[in-house]
Amino acid sequence: RAECNLHVKGKDIFVESTHEDLYAAIDELVDKLDRQVIKHKCIVQEHHSAAKRVLNS
C-alpha cells in the first residue's frame, strides 16, 4: 500500500494505491497523482484567465 498527501495552494490532494508489489503500488500512485495535479493546474489556469478577461473588458 502506498499513499501520498500533497498540499497545494487552495487544495489538499490525497492519493492512495494498493497492490501486492510495493513498486507497482508506487507506479500506480504516481499516475493517479499526476492526473490530479494536472487537473488542479488546469482549473487554476482557467480561473486566472477568466479573471484577466473580466478585468480587460
Protein backbone atom coordinates (compact mmCIF):
# COMPACT_ATOMS: atom_id res chain seq x y z
CA ARG A 1 0.00 0.00 0.00
CA ALA A 2 1.24 3.46 -0.91
CA GLU A 3 -0.33 6.80 -0.12
CA CYS A 4 0.54 10.43 -0.66
CA ASN A 5 -0.86 13.64 0.79
CA LEU A 6 0.06 16.74 -1.22
CA HIS A 7 -0.68 20.28 -0.06
CA VAL A 8 -1.04 22.80 -2.87
CA LYS A 9 -2.40 26.33 -2.77
CA GLY A 10 -6.15 26.09 -2.39
CA LYS A 11 -6.40 22.31 -2.17
CA ASP A 12 -5.11 19.18 -0.45
CA ILE A 13 -4.65 16.21 -2.76
CA PHE A 14 -4.72 12.71 -1.26
CA VAL A 15 -3.93 9.63 -3.34
CA GLU A 16 -3.63 6.01 -2.32
CA SER A 17 -2.90 2.80 -4.15
CA THR A 18 -2.97 -0.81 -3.04
CA HIS A 19 -1.01 -3.59 -4.71
CA GLU A 20 0.89 -6.67 -3.59
CA ASP A 21 4.12 -5.31 -5.03
CA LEU A 22 5.17 -2.02 -3.40
CA TYR A 23 6.83 -0.71 -6.58
CA ALA A 24 3.70 -1.41 -8.61
CA ALA A 25 1.64 0.44 -5.99
CA ILE A 26 4.02 3.41 -6.19
CA ASP A 27 3.84 3.47 -10.00
CA GLU A 28 0.04 3.47 -9.86
CA LEU A 29 0.11 6.16 -7.18
CA VAL A 30 2.33 8.40 -9.31
CA ASP A 31 -0.04 8.04 -12.28
CA LYS A 32 -3.05 8.98 -10.14
CA LEU A 33 -1.21 11.88 -8.55
CA ASP A 34 -0.09 13.17 -11.94
CA ARG A 35 -3.67 13.21 -13.24
CA GLN A 36 -4.97 15.05 -10.18
CA VAL A 37 -2.19 17.66 -10.23
CA ILE A 38 -2.73 18.33 -13.96
CA LYS A 39 -6.49 18.66 -13.36
CA HIS A 40 -5.91 21.11 -10.49
CA LYS A 41 -3.44 23.11 -12.57
CA CYS A 42 -5.93 23.40 -15.47
CA ILE A 43 -8.67 24.59 -13.12
CA VAL A 44 -6.39 27.23 -11.58
CA GLN A 45 -5.24 28.45 -15.00
CA GLU A 46 -8.84 28.70 -16.26
CA HIS A 47 -9.83 30.81 -13.25
CA HIS A 48 -6.87 33.14 -13.75
CA SER A 49 -7.54 33.62 -17.45
CA ALA A 50 -11.24 34.27 -16.77
CA ALA A 51 -10.32 36.95 -14.23
CA LYS A 52 -8.00 38.64 -16.74
CA ARG A 53 -10.76 38.68 -19.37
CA VAL A 54 -13.12 40.38 -16.92
CA LEU A 55 -10.51 42.99 -15.97
CA ASN A 56 -9.71 43.75 -19.61
CA SER A 57 -13.38 44.23 -20.56
